[in-house]
Amino acid sequence: MKRALVFACVGLAGCGGWNPWAGPQEERITAPADLVTFQCDGGKRLMVRMPQGGKSVTVMLPERQFRLDAAPAASGAGFSNGRTTFLTKGDEASLEEGGALLFAGCKAVVR
């Protein structure tokens, strides 16, 4: 019996893979370089990928993400898909969908 227990312990120790005593493994997540995070009114947070060139942006909400193409704006930059509009001016932004303002008073968070 002792010999079987010793072999079991040595066998577990010799396996370089999973170790139940090592605890949870953490991985560092790196955000894409073009990701801008905005802190908005009401404690809301909006994340938008804004690649160089300004032809489109990708809005990333917890439940979905979608692309908006460049669109005319009175001032600053505008992006729309006909139903949803993302507007920026300097480090401020807003997001409107179907005529309702979803994110207002948004300010870019410096990384």
Protein backbone atom coordinates (compact mmCIF):
# COMPACT_ATOMS: atom_id res chain seq x y z
CA MET A 1 0.00 0.00 0.00
CA LYS A 2 2.79 2.43 0.93
CA ARG A 3 4.59 1.63 -2.32
CA ALA A 4 1.44 2.46 -4.40
CA LEU A 5 1.05 5.77 -2.55
CA VAL A 6 4.70 6.67 -3.18
CA PHE A 7 4.36 5.85 -6.89
CA ALA A 8 1.17 7.92 -7.10
CA CYS A 9 2.85 10.93 -5.46
CA VAL A 10 5.96 10.61 -7.64
CA GLY A 11 3.75 10.21 -10.70
CA LEU A 12 1.83 13.38 -9.91
CA ALA A 13 4.98 15.33 -9.11
CA GLY A 14 6.64 14.15 -12.31
CA CYS A 15 3.84 15.37 -14.57
CA GLY A 16 4.71 18.80 -15.86
CA GLY A 17 1.10 19.68 -16.71
CA TRP A 18 -1.77 20.33 -14.36
CA ASN A 19 -0.92 20.81 -10.69
CA PRO A 20 -3.96 21.03 -8.40
CA TRP A 21 -1.92 22.86 -5.74
CA ALA A 22 -0.62 25.58 -8.03
CA GLY A 23 -3.74 27.74 -7.71
CA PRO A 24 -5.44 29.67 -10.51
CA GLN A 25 -3.30 30.74 -13.43
CA GLU A 26 -3.58 34.32 -14.59
CA GLU A 27 -2.84 35.66 -18.02
CA ARG A 28 -2.10 39.28 -18.79
CA ILE A 29 -4.65 40.61 -21.27
CA THR A 30 -3.32 43.25 -23.62
CA ALA A 31 -5.80 45.72 -25.08
CA PRO A 32 -5.47 46.51 -28.79
CA ALA A 33 -3.48 49.68 -29.46
CA ASP A 34 -6.47 51.32 -31.17
CA LEU A 35 -8.88 50.72 -28.25
CA VAL A 36 -10.17 53.88 -26.55
CA THR A 37 -12.11 53.61 -23.30
CA PHE A 38 -14.54 56.38 -22.40
CA GLN A 39 -15.95 57.08 -18.92
CA CYS A 40 -19.49 58.40 -19.38
CA ASP A 41 -22.27 59.97 -17.33
CA GLY A 42 -24.02 57.63 -14.92
CA GLY A 43 -20.85 55.59 -14.32
CA LYS A 44 -21.15 53.98 -17.74
CA ARG A 45 -18.07 52.85 -19.66
CA LEU A 46 -17.85 52.76 -23.46
CA MET A 47 -15.08 51.03 -25.41
CA VAL A 48 -14.43 51.87 -29.04
CA ARG A 49 -11.76 50.61 -31.43
CA MET A 50 -10.62 53.59 -33.48
CA PRO A 51 -8.07 52.46 -36.10
CA GLN A 52 -5.85 54.95 -37.91
CA GLY A 53 -7.40 56.39 -41.03
CA GLY A 54 -10.75 57.28 -39.49
CA LYS A 55 -12.89 55.37 -42.03
CA SER A 56 -14.71 53.34 -39.37
CA VAL A 57 -14.87 52.49 -35.67
CA THR A 58 -16.00 49.40 -33.78
CA VAL A 59 -18.23 50.02 -30.76
CA MET A 60 -17.81 47.32 -28.12
CA LEU A 61 -20.72 46.95 -25.69
CA PRO A 62 -20.98 44.12 -23.13
CA GLU A 63 -23.72 42.37 -25.10
CA ARG A 64 -22.57 43.11 -28.68
CA GLN A 65 -20.14 44.92 -30.91
CA PHE A 66 -20.68 46.61 -34.26
CA ARG A 67 -18.93 48.72 -36.87
CA LEU A 68 -19.88 52.28 -37.74
CA ASP A 69 -18.60 54.01 -40.87
CA ALA A 70 -17.44 57.63 -41.13
CA ALA A 71 -20.33 60.07 -41.50
CA PRO A 72 -20.67 63.86 -41.65
CA ALA A 73 -20.66 65.66 -38.29
CA ALA A 74 -21.29 69.32 -37.44
CA SER A 75 -17.94 69.40 -35.62
CA GLY A 76 -15.48 66.69 -34.63
CA ALA A 77 -15.84 63.22 -36.11
CA GLY A 78 -18.99 61.21 -36.71
CA PHE A 79 -19.60 57.53 -37.42
CA SER A 80 -22.94 55.90 -38.21
CA ASN A 81 -24.71 52.86 -39.64
CA GLY A 82 -28.00 54.72 -40.18
CA ARG A 83 -29.46 53.70 -36.81
CA THR A 84 -26.56 54.23 -34.41
CA THR A 85 -24.29 57.30 -34.32
CA PHE A 86 -21.02 57.78 -32.46
CA LEU A 87 -19.75 61.37 -32.24
CA THR A 88 -16.37 62.57 -30.98
CA LYS A 89 -14.83 65.97 -30.46
CA GLY A 90 -11.41 66.05 -28.88
CA ASP A 91 -11.46 63.58 -25.96
CA GLU A 92 -15.27 63.70 -25.58
CA ALA A 93 -17.82 61.36 -27.17
CA SER A 94 -21.46 60.25 -27.22
CA LEU A 95 -23.41 57.31 -28.62
CA GLU A 96 -26.99 57.53 -29.86
CA GLU A 97 -29.14 54.64 -31.10
CA GLY A 98 -32.60 54.93 -32.62
CA GLY A 99 -32.91 58.53 -31.44
CA ALA A 100 -32.06 57.67 -27.80
CA LEU A 101 -28.84 58.90 -26.21
CA LEU A 102 -27.24 55.75 -24.74
CA PHE A 103 -23.90 57.22 -23.65
CA ALA A 104 -23.46 60.92 -22.91
CA GLY A 105 -20.74 63.08 -21.37
CA CYS A 106 -18.09 60.52 -22.27
CA LYS A 107 -14.44 61.41 -21.72
CA ALA A 108 -11.50 59.36 -22.98
CA VAL A 109 -9.61 57.57 -20.20
CA VAL A 110 -5.84 57.93 -20.47
CA ARG A 111 -4.05 54.57 -20.32
